[in-house]
Protein backbone atom coordinates (compact mmCIF):
# COMPACT_ATOMS: atom_id res chain seq x y z
CA MET A 1 2.31 54.95 -144.88
CA ASN A 2 -0.22 57.11 -146.59
CA ASN A 3 -2.45 59.48 -144.70
CA LYS A 4 -6.21 59.27 -144.94
CA ARG A 5 -7.61 60.49 -148.24
CA THR A 6 -11.13 61.50 -149.21
CA VAL A 7 -13.52 62.00 -152.05
CA THR A 8 -15.89 64.83 -151.23
CA ARG A 9 -19.09 66.06 -152.75
CA ALA A 10 -20.54 69.46 -152.10
CA ILE A 11 -22.71 68.29 -149.22
CA GLY A 12 -19.77 66.59 -147.55
CA PRO A 13 -19.94 62.76 -147.72
CA ARG A 14 -16.45 61.29 -147.52
CA ILE A 15 -14.69 58.06 -148.15
CA LEU A 16 -11.85 57.63 -145.70
CA LEU A 17 -9.51 55.12 -147.23
CA CYS A 18 -7.55 53.65 -144.36
CA LEU A 19 -4.91 51.96 -146.45
CA ALA A 20 -3.49 48.85 -144.85
CA ILE A 21 -0.20 47.08 -145.38
CA ALA A 22 -0.98 43.56 -144.30
CA ALA A 23 -2.22 40.25 -145.58
CA SER A 24 -5.41 38.51 -144.94
CA GLY A 25 -20.45 35.77 -138.92
CA ALA A 26 -21.32 34.24 -136.11
CA ALA A 27 -20.00 30.81 -135.41
CA ASN A 28 -22.10 27.73 -134.80
CA ALA A 29 -20.18 27.12 -131.57
CA ASP A 30 -19.27 30.36 -129.89
CA LEU A 31 -19.44 31.78 -126.38
CA LEU A 32 -22.72 33.56 -127.02
CA SER A 33 -24.47 30.47 -128.39
CA ALA A 34 -23.17 28.41 -125.46
CA GLN A 35 -24.30 30.99 -122.90
CA GLN A 36 -27.73 31.25 -124.51
CA ALA A 37 -28.14 27.48 -124.58
CA TYR A 38 -27.15 27.26 -120.91
CA ALA A 39 -29.60 30.01 -119.93
CA LYS A 40 -32.39 28.11 -121.71
CA GLY A 41 -31.52 24.89 -119.90
CA ASP A 42 -30.26 23.22 -123.09
CA TYR A 43 -27.30 21.75 -121.26
CA GLU A 44 -26.39 19.26 -123.96
CA LYS A 45 -25.82 22.01 -126.53
CA ALA A 46 -24.14 24.27 -124.00
CA PHE A 47 -21.78 21.48 -122.97
CA ASN A 48 -20.87 20.62 -126.57
CA ASP A 49 -20.26 24.27 -127.46
CA TYR A 50 -18.16 24.94 -124.37
CA ARG A 51 -16.18 21.75 -124.95
CA ASP A 52 -15.37 22.69 -128.56
CA LEU A 53 -14.10 26.11 -127.49
CA ALA A 54 -12.34 24.80 -124.39
CA GLN A 55 -10.33 22.44 -126.57
CA LEU A 56 -9.13 25.52 -128.51
CA GLY A 57 -7.79 27.01 -125.28
CA GLN A 58 -10.59 29.54 -124.59
CA PRO A 59 -10.38 30.10 -120.80
CA THR A 60 -14.01 31.20 -120.21
CA ALA A 61 -15.24 28.09 -122.00
CA GLN A 62 -12.79 25.96 -119.99
CA TYR A 63 -14.10 27.35 -116.72
CA ASN A 64 -17.76 26.91 -117.70
CA LEU A 65 -17.02 23.39 -118.89
CA ALA A 66 -15.51 22.67 -115.48
CA ILE A 67 -18.68 23.96 -113.79
CA MET A 68 -20.87 21.72 -115.95
CA TYR A 69 -18.71 18.68 -115.17
CA ALA A 70 -18.88 19.51 -111.47
CA ARG A 71 -22.68 19.84 -111.57
CA GLY A 72 -23.32 17.02 -114.04
CA GLN A 73 -25.11 19.34 -116.46
CA GLY A 74 -25.24 17.97 -120.01
CA VAL A 75 -22.69 15.33 -119.09
CA ARG A 76 -22.04 12.72 -116.44
CA GLN A 77 -20.79 14.38 -113.25
CA SER A 78 -17.00 14.16 -112.91
CA GLU A 79 -14.94 16.03 -110.36
CA LEU A 80 -11.82 14.74 -112.09
CA ASN A 81 -12.72 16.40 -115.41
CA ALA A 82 -14.00 19.47 -113.58
CA TYR A 83 -10.65 19.82 -111.84
CA ALA A 84 -8.70 19.34 -115.08
CA TRP A 85 -10.63 22.02 -116.98
CA ALA A 86 -10.66 24.42 -114.02
CA SER A 87 -6.87 24.07 -113.87
CA LEU A 88 -6.61 24.80 -117.58
CA ALA A 89 -8.82 27.87 -117.14
CA ALA A 90 -6.50 29.03 -114.35
CA ASP A 91 -3.48 28.50 -116.59
CA GLY A 92 -5.21 30.62 -119.22
CA GLY A 93 -5.73 33.49 -116.80
CA TYR A 94 -9.41 33.01 -115.94
CA PRO A 95 -9.85 34.69 -112.53
CA ASN A 96 -11.93 32.01 -110.78
CA GLY A 97 -10.22 28.99 -112.35
CA LYS A 98 -7.67 28.47 -109.59
CA GLN A 99 -10.27 28.96 -106.87
CA LEU A 100 -12.48 26.24 -108.37
CA ALA A 101 -9.55 23.87 -108.88
CA ASP A 102 -8.39 24.37 -105.29
CA ARG A 103 -11.91 23.61 -104.01
CA LEU A 104 -12.13 20.41 -106.07
CA ARG A 105 -8.65 19.04 -105.41
CA PRO A 106 -9.21 17.68 -101.84
CA ASP A 107 -12.12 15.50 -103.01
CA LEU A 108 -10.21 13.79 -105.82
CA ALA A 109 -9.53 10.07 -105.50
CA PRO A 110 -5.89 8.97 -105.10
CA GLY A 111 -4.09 9.09 -108.43
CA SER A 112 -6.70 11.38 -109.99
CA GLU A 113 -4.38 14.35 -110.25
CA LYS A 114 -2.09 12.37 -112.57
CA ILE A 115 -5.04 11.56 -114.84
CA ALA A 116 -6.09 15.21 -114.75
CA ASP A 117 -2.55 16.20 -115.69
CA ASP A 118 -2.82 13.94 -118.75
CA ILE A 119 -5.94 15.85 -119.82
CA ARG A 120 -4.19 19.15 -119.17
CA SER A 121 -1.15 18.08 -121.17
CA HIS A 122 -3.35 17.40 -124.20
CA TYR A 123 -5.10 20.79 -124.14
CA GLY A 124 -2.51 22.92 -122.36
CA ARG A 125 -0.58 25.74 -123.93
CA GLN A 126 2.38 23.63 -125.02
CA ALA A 127 0.18 21.10 -126.82
CA LEU A 128 -1.89 23.84 -128.47
CA ASP A 129 1.30 25.62 -129.55
CA GLN A 130 2.34 22.47 -131.35
CA ARG A 131 -1.04 21.81 -132.96
CA LEU A 132 -2.76 25.14 -133.58
CA MET A 133 -1.13 28.31 -132.37
CA PRO A 134 0.80 30.63 -134.69
CA ASN A 135 4.45 31.36 -133.98
CA ILE A 136 4.44 35.14 -133.97
CA GLU A 137 7.86 36.76 -134.14
CA ALA A 138 9.11 40.14 -135.24
CA ASN A 139 10.25 40.11 -138.85
CA GLU A 140 11.57 43.51 -139.87
CA MET A 141 12.08 42.47 -143.50
CA ALA A 142 8.48 41.28 -143.75
CA ASP A 143 7.27 44.55 -142.21
CA VAL A 144 9.22 46.55 -144.79
CA LEU A 145 7.77 44.38 -147.57
CA GLU A 146 4.25 45.06 -146.28
CA ARG A 147 4.85 48.80 -146.20
CA THR A 148 6.32 48.99 -149.69
CA ARG A 149 4.32 46.50 -151.74
CA CYS A 150 0.93 47.05 -150.11
CA SER A 151 1.01 50.84 -150.01
CA PRO A 152 -0.76 52.24 -153.10
CA ILE A 153 1.16 54.74 -155.16
CA LYS A 154 -1.97 55.87 -156.98
CA VAL A 155 -5.40 55.63 -155.37
CA PHE A 156 -8.63 55.82 -157.31
CA PHE A 157 -11.29 57.59 -155.24
CA PRO A 158 -14.79 56.68 -156.45
CA GLU A 159 -17.94 58.65 -155.82
CA TYR A 160 -19.74 58.15 -152.53
CA PRO A 161 -22.64 55.73 -153.27
CA ILE A 162 -25.77 57.71 -154.08
CA ASP A 163 -28.12 55.54 -151.98
CA ALA A 164 -25.86 55.84 -148.97
CA GLN A 165 -25.42 59.59 -149.45
CA ASP A 166 -29.15 60.25 -149.76
CA LYS A 167 -29.85 58.32 -146.54
CA GLY A 168 -26.83 59.63 -144.67
CA VAL A 169 -25.54 56.08 -144.22
CA GLN A 170 -21.97 55.56 -143.04
CA GLY A 171 -19.98 52.34 -142.77
CA GLY A 172 -16.73 50.47 -143.09
CA VAL A 173 -15.32 47.75 -145.32
CA SER A 174 -12.24 45.57 -144.86
CA VAL A 175 -11.09 44.01 -148.13
CA GLU A 176 -8.26 41.57 -148.77
CA PHE A 177 -6.57 41.28 -152.14
CA THR A 178 -3.30 40.42 -153.85
CA VAL A 179 -0.83 42.77 -155.44
CA ARG A 180 0.83 41.32 -158.56
CA PRO A 181 4.41 42.11 -159.63
CA ASP A 182 2.97 44.48 -162.26
CA GLY A 183 1.49 46.64 -159.48
CA SER A 184 -2.13 45.70 -160.11
CA ALA A 185 -4.61 44.70 -157.42
CA ARG A 186 -6.45 41.45 -158.14
CA ASN A 187 -9.11 39.22 -156.61
CA PRO A 188 -10.52 41.58 -153.97
CA ARG A 189 -12.43 39.73 -151.26
CA ILE A 190 -14.66 41.56 -148.81
CA VAL A 191 -14.09 40.07 -145.35
CA TYR A 192 -15.88 42.60 -143.16
CA GLN A 193 -18.47 45.23 -143.97
CA THR A 194 -21.11 47.26 -142.25
CA PRO A 195 -23.78 47.71 -143.43
CA GLN A 196 -23.92 44.69 -145.70
CA GLY A 197 -23.55 45.23 -149.44
CA LEU A 198 -23.95 48.99 -149.59
CA PHE A 199 -20.31 49.96 -150.19
CA GLU A 200 -18.99 46.71 -151.69
CA SER A 201 -19.11 47.77 -155.35
CA THR A 202 -17.44 51.09 -154.56
CA VAL A 203 -14.57 49.36 -152.78
CA ARG A 204 -13.99 46.90 -155.61
CA THR A 205 -13.93 49.72 -158.15
CA SER A 206 -11.41 51.66 -156.09
CA LEU A 207 -9.06 48.69 -155.77
CA LEU A 208 -9.28 47.68 -159.41
CA ARG A 209 -8.27 51.15 -160.57
CA SER A 210 -5.61 51.84 -157.95
CA ARG A 211 -1.93 51.16 -158.57
CA PHE A 212 0.77 49.70 -156.36
CA SER A 213 4.54 49.57 -156.67
CA THR A 214 5.94 47.08 -159.16
CA ALA A 215 8.34 44.28 -158.32
CA VAL A 216 10.64 41.85 -160.08
CA PRO A 217 8.50 39.93 -162.64
CA ASP A 218 9.02 36.54 -160.96
CA SER A 219 8.10 37.84 -157.50
CA LYS A 220 5.21 36.23 -155.66
CA PRO A 221 1.95 38.15 -155.24
CA ILE A 222 1.67 39.94 -151.90
CA HIS A 223 -1.40 39.58 -149.68
CA CYS A 224 -2.76 42.94 -148.54
CA THR A 225 -5.67 44.58 -146.75
CA ILE A 226 -7.37 47.95 -147.01
CA TYR A 227 -9.93 49.22 -144.55
CA TYR A 228 -12.31 51.80 -146.07
CA ARG A 229 -14.22 54.09 -143.76
CA PHE A 230 -17.26 55.82 -145.27
CA THR A 231 -18.50 58.87 -143.41
CA VAL A 232 -20.93 61.70 -144.12
CA SER A 233 -19.26 64.75 -142.63
CA SER A 234 -18.44 68.32 -143.55
CA ALA A 235 -15.34 68.37 -141.32
CA PRO A 236 -11.87 68.02 -142.83
CA VAL A 237 -10.52 64.52 -142.68
CA SER A 238 -7.63 65.66 -140.48
CA ASP A 239 -10.21 66.73 -137.87
CA TYR A 240 -12.23 63.51 -138.06
CA PRO A 241 -12.47 62.50 -134.39
CA LYS A 242 -14.54 59.34 -134.56
CA LEU A 243 -11.82 57.12 -135.98
CA ASN A 244 -9.58 57.39 -132.93
CA SER A 245 -12.63 57.03 -130.71
CA LEU A 246 -13.67 53.87 -132.57
CA VAL A 247 -10.21 52.35 -132.16
CA HIS A 248 -10.06 53.20 -128.45
CA LYS A 249 -13.56 51.94 -127.62
CA THR A 250 -12.93 48.75 -129.59
CA PHE A 251 -9.67 48.17 -127.72
CA ILE A 252 -11.37 48.59 -124.32
CA SER A 253 -14.06 46.06 -125.27
CA ALA A 254 -11.47 43.68 -126.68
CA GLU A 255 -9.41 43.93 -123.50
CA ALA A 256 -12.56 43.02 -121.56
CA GLY A 257 -12.87 39.81 -123.61
CA ASP A 258 -15.62 40.67 -126.10
CA PRO A 259 -14.94 38.33 -129.08
CA ASN A 260 -16.61 40.70 -131.58
CA ALA A 261 -14.42 43.55 -130.37
CA GLU A 262 -11.32 41.33 -130.51
CA LEU A 263 -12.07 40.58 -134.15
CA LEU A 264 -12.83 44.20 -135.07
CA TYR A 265 -9.75 45.49 -133.26
CA GLY A 266 -7.60 43.07 -135.23
CA LEU A 267 -9.19 44.29 -138.46
CA LEU A 268 -8.61 47.91 -137.47
CA LEU A 269 -4.95 47.23 -136.67
CA THR A 270 -4.41 45.70 -140.11
CA GLY A 271 -6.49 48.30 -141.91
CA ILE A 272 -5.53 51.71 -140.54
CA PRO A 273 -2.03 52.82 -141.53
CA GLN A 274 -2.03 55.70 -139.07
CA LEU A 275 -1.69 53.11 -136.31
CA LYS A 276 1.56 51.89 -137.89
CA ARG A 277 1.03 48.33 -136.73
CA PRO A 278 2.07 45.24 -138.73
CA HIS A 279 -0.18 42.24 -139.14
CA ARG A 280 1.67 40.33 -136.43
CA ASP A 281 0.26 42.81 -133.88
CA ALA A 282 -3.29 42.05 -135.00
CA LEU A 283 -2.88 38.27 -135.04
CA PRO A 284 -3.15 37.75 -131.24
CA TRP A 285 -6.52 39.51 -131.29
CA PHE A 286 -7.72 37.39 -134.19
CA LEU A 287 -6.55 34.35 -132.23
CA LYS A 288 -8.55 35.31 -129.14
CA ALA A 289 -11.69 35.74 -131.23
CA ALA A 290 -10.99 32.49 -133.08
CA GLN A 291 -10.72 30.60 -129.79
CA ALA A 292 -14.07 32.11 -128.80
CA GLY A 293 -15.63 30.61 -131.94
CA SER A 294 -15.66 33.48 -134.44
CA ALA A 295 -15.56 31.85 -137.86
CA LEU A 296 -14.22 35.02 -139.49
CA ALA A 297 -11.41 35.19 -136.94
CA GLN A 298 -10.64 31.52 -137.50
CA PHE A 299 -10.33 32.33 -141.18
CA GLN A 300 -7.94 35.18 -140.40
CA VAL A 301 -5.73 32.94 -138.24
CA GLY A 302 -5.79 30.08 -140.75
CA TYR A 303 -5.07 32.32 -143.72
CA SER A 304 -2.20 33.97 -141.85
CA LEU A 305 -0.66 30.60 -141.02
CA LEU A 306 -1.12 29.34 -144.56
CA THR A 307 0.58 32.36 -146.11
CA GLY A 308 3.08 33.24 -143.37
CA TRP A 309 1.28 36.55 -142.93
CA GLY A 310 2.45 38.02 -139.61
CA CYS A 311 3.73 34.68 -138.37
CA HIS A 312 5.70 31.62 -139.42
CA CYS A 313 4.09 29.76 -142.32
CA GLU A 314 2.70 26.48 -140.97
CA GLU A 315 0.37 24.84 -143.45
CA ASN A 316 -0.98 22.09 -141.18
CA LYS A 317 -2.07 24.59 -138.53
CA GLY A 318 -3.46 26.94 -141.15
CA SER A 319 -5.52 24.22 -142.79
CA ASP A 320 -6.92 23.19 -139.41
CA TRP A 321 -8.19 26.69 -138.60
CA LEU A 322 -9.55 27.17 -142.12
CA ARG A 323 -11.46 23.89 -141.97
CA ARG A 324 -13.00 24.89 -138.65
CA ALA A 325 -14.23 28.13 -140.19
CA ALA A 326 -15.26 26.49 -143.47
CA GLU A 327 -17.34 23.85 -141.70
CA GLN A 328 -19.26 26.73 -140.16
CA ASP A 329 -19.89 27.93 -143.73
CA GLN A 330 -17.54 30.89 -143.53
CA PRO A 331 -17.17 31.53 -147.28
CA ASP A 332 -13.74 33.20 -147.15
CA ALA A 333 -12.34 30.09 -145.48
CA GLN A 334 -14.01 27.86 -148.06
CA ILE A 335 -12.49 29.93 -150.85
CA ALA A 336 -9.08 29.93 -149.17
CA LEU A 337 -9.11 26.13 -148.93
CA ALA A 338 -10.07 25.95 -152.59
CA GLU A 339 -7.28 28.36 -153.54
CA TYR A 340 -4.79 26.28 -151.61
CA ALA A 341 -5.92 23.10 -153.35
CA LEU A 342 -5.60 24.76 -156.78
CA ARG A 343 -2.14 26.28 -156.39
CA GLY A 344 0.60 25.15 -158.70
CA THR A 345 -0.45 22.25 -160.89
CA PRO A 346 -3.24 20.52 -158.95
CA ASP A 347 -4.10 16.89 -159.55
CA GLU A 348 -7.68 15.88 -160.19
CA ASP A 349 -8.42 15.01 -156.55
CA SER A 350 -7.22 18.43 -155.41
CA ALA A 351 -9.32 20.15 -158.06
CA LYS A 352 -12.37 18.16 -156.97
CA ARG A 353 -11.82 19.16 -153.32
CA ALA A 354 -11.60 22.77 -154.41
CA LYS A 355 -14.85 22.48 -156.31
CA VAL A 356 -16.65 21.09 -153.24
CA TRP A 357 -15.63 24.09 -151.13
CA LEU A 358 -16.48 26.56 -153.89
CA GLU A 359 -19.88 24.98 -154.40
CA ARG A 360 -20.62 25.55 -150.71
CA ALA A 361 -19.47 29.15 -150.85
CA ALA A 362 -21.49 29.81 -154.01
CA ALA A 363 -24.58 28.12 -152.58
CA SER A 364 -24.59 30.63 -149.72
CA GLY A 365 -24.79 33.43 -152.31
CA ASN A 366 -21.22 34.56 -151.76
CA ARG A 367 -20.05 36.68 -154.69
CA ASP A 368 -16.44 35.50 -154.60
CA GLY A 369 -17.52 31.89 -154.25
CA LYS A 370 -19.46 32.25 -157.49
CA LEU A 371 -16.54 34.02 -159.19
CA TYR A 372 -13.96 31.38 -158.26
CA LEU A 373 -16.34 28.55 -159.11
CA ALA A 374 -17.07 30.13 -162.51
CA ALA A 375 -13.34 30.34 -163.24
CA LEU A 376 -12.89 26.67 -162.35
CA LEU A 377 -15.91 25.52 -164.38
CA ALA A 378 -14.77 27.57 -167.37
CA ALA A 379 -11.18 26.35 -167.69
CA ALA A 380 -10.52 23.38 -165.40
CA PRO A 381 -7.88 21.04 -166.86
CA TYR A 382 -10.11 18.05 -166.07
CA SER A 383 -13.14 17.53 -168.29
CA GLU A 384 -15.27 16.14 -165.46
CA LEU A 385 -15.07 19.50 -163.69
CA ARG A 386 -15.78 21.76 -166.64
CA ASP A 387 -19.25 23.20 -167.16
CA PRO A 388 -18.99 26.21 -169.54
CA SER A 389 -22.72 26.90 -169.57
CA ARG A 390 -22.92 27.16 -165.80
CA ALA A 391 -19.75 29.24 -165.75
CA HIS A 392 -21.50 31.76 -168.01
CA THR A 393 -24.52 31.83 -165.71
CA LEU A 394 -22.44 32.39 -162.60
CA ILE A 395 -20.24 35.08 -164.10
CA ASP A 396 -23.28 36.95 -165.39
CA GLN A 397 -24.63 36.96 -161.82
CA VAL A 398 -21.34 38.19 -160.39
CA PHE A 399 -20.60 40.82 -163.00
CA ALA A 400 -24.07 42.05 -163.88
CA HIS A 401 -23.69 45.59 -165.29
CA VAL A 402 -19.90 45.51 -164.70
CA GLU A 403 -17.95 46.43 -167.81
CA ASP A 404 -14.50 47.43 -166.56
CA ASP A 405 -13.14 44.23 -164.98
CA PRO A 406 -11.00 42.09 -167.33
CA THR A 407 -11.63 39.00 -165.18
CA ALA A 408 -15.28 38.83 -166.21
CA PHE A 409 -14.39 38.71 -169.90
CA GLU A 410 -11.52 36.27 -169.34
CA ILE A 411 -13.89 33.75 -167.76
CA ARG A 412 -16.53 34.28 -170.44
CA ALA A 413 -13.89 33.77 -173.13
CA ALA A 414 -12.59 30.51 -171.62
CA ALA A 415 -16.13 29.20 -171.19
CA ALA A 416 -17.03 30.05 -174.79
CA ALA A 417 -13.86 28.37 -176.10
CA ASN A 418 -14.56 25.22 -174.11
CA SER A 419 -18.05 25.21 -175.63
CA GLY A 420 -16.52 25.34 -179.11
CA ASN A 421 -17.68 28.92 -179.71
CA PHE A 422 -14.35 30.47 -180.69
CA THR A 423 -15.88 33.56 -182.29
CA ASP A 424 -17.32 34.65 -178.95
CA ALA A 425 -14.16 33.50 -177.16
CA VAL A 426 -12.02 35.82 -179.28
CA ALA A 427 -14.45 38.72 -178.83
CA PHE A 428 -14.58 38.32 -175.06
CA GLN A 429 -10.82 37.92 -174.76
CA GLU A 430 -10.19 41.02 -176.86
CA LYS A 431 -12.41 42.94 -174.43
CA ALA A 432 -10.40 41.51 -171.54
CA VAL A 433 -7.12 42.60 -173.12
CA SER A 434 -8.50 46.07 -173.85
CA ARG A 435 -9.66 46.62 -170.28
CA ALA A 436 -6.49 45.14 -168.79
CA SER A 437 -4.46 47.53 -170.92
CA ARG A 438 -6.36 50.50 -169.47
CA LEU A 439 -5.51 49.21 -165.99
CA SER A 440 -1.81 48.73 -166.88
CA TRP A 441 -1.90 44.98 -166.21
CA ASP A 442 0.74 42.63 -167.52
CA LEU A 443 -0.90 41.60 -170.82
CA ALA A 444 1.25 38.56 -171.61
CA PRO A 445 -1.03 35.91 -170.00
CA LEU A 446 -4.14 37.45 -171.55
CA GLU A 447 -2.58 37.64 -175.02
CA GLU A 448 -1.43 34.04 -174.74
CA ARG A 449 -5.01 32.94 -174.16
CA LEU A 450 -6.21 35.14 -177.01
CA ALA A 451 -3.75 33.40 -179.36
CA HIS A 452 -5.25 30.04 -178.35
CA TYR A 453 -8.77 31.17 -179.18
CA GLN A 454 -7.72 32.74 -182.47
CA ALA A 455 -6.19 29.37 -183.38
CA ARG A 456 -9.52 27.74 -182.42
CA GLN A 457 -7.97 26.03 -179.42
CA PRO A 458 -9.46 25.95 -175.92
CA TRP A 459 -7.34 27.02 -172.97
CA TYR A 460 -7.16 25.15 -169.66
CA GLY A 461 -5.66 26.37 -166.43
CA ASP A 462 -5.82 28.99 -163.70
CA LEU A 463 -7.60 32.21 -164.66
CA LEU A 464 -7.27 33.86 -161.25
CA GLY A 465 -3.65 33.31 -160.33
CA PHE A 466 -3.97 30.87 -157.47
């Protein structure tokens, strides 16, 4: 893997590009929300939140659910259910689970243990393995593929953002993207950033202008991650001590069961090549955070299962996790579900489902939600879904003042053509081809669309490579 690289100005701000070789908010029901509801005496909400997480196999939630059943808080008192969930918490390694189960067992009515076992069998490890849990196994070939296809061979280092430099602001960004057979990076999606929005444009510019190794033309795109660390420092990058400290402190907190730390540690493992860890090593940490209710972690688990990223590809499990995250309005999950529905040659029902998820992502203000929705509205094969005028509006919001991304002009061109304005369609598509050429993209798909517009024919299909 590559070592850390920097772009340095005279006063010393640096961009540490932790280049990853792997694929890719607060939840409505998470441990914190449940604990806060319980502390406020809102037992109904606390019970519902704990139950949702307990059914995902989260041992702390299982134990607290057992306590609430035993006390009759937010639910009808039931020693039988309390015993069942305490036993499950014990099976999951919760320290006091066995003690509570042992205290409850003598008071159970005859035959109750069998009923409790039925509950345990439905939410025990074996049942969850069948329904939800990823099958994580070592795959040396996949690890080699990650290292080769996701490692950039030419990195573009942009300037440190002026606003951040002037204020001495530092931060980090984890971005997922695909690498095409032509070695270009496409469709970058920011999945974690701190602070919000400040470094996003810089990261996208870096990815768009970086190059990756090429592959056989018919190869599938590879899912990858890069973690960018932005720091204002005059010390050489090789002496930068805070990165190792961040990883260590995050690991300690994750080991202690902090869901936010579990999520961040997973992102660090996938995003820092110096750690030399494949995505399958990060997935258990994402899973812990997902079981604790983190919508972003649920997206990570679902996306991994859907793409076979660090685990066996299991679409049913992946879709389940993604829906859980998407229903909590996690935009990356909504976009992933839309992408999945649009792959190949989607029928009209699939395209409509995709549009519903993209509308939700766009409504939250998510940049990528607007981008994907604009692409669908501009060139959907089904007339009911096309809305060229709105596609123009959305793409202008997404790419305001952006002149170097071919995707923006591709979408504008398709929207213009589907409005009958072929003069503008040709002009926009020529700009797309020109910019794609500068980035060394495969020009064949872009030139095919240009030929349609020059012949005064609209073009329908996938502009983003789902």
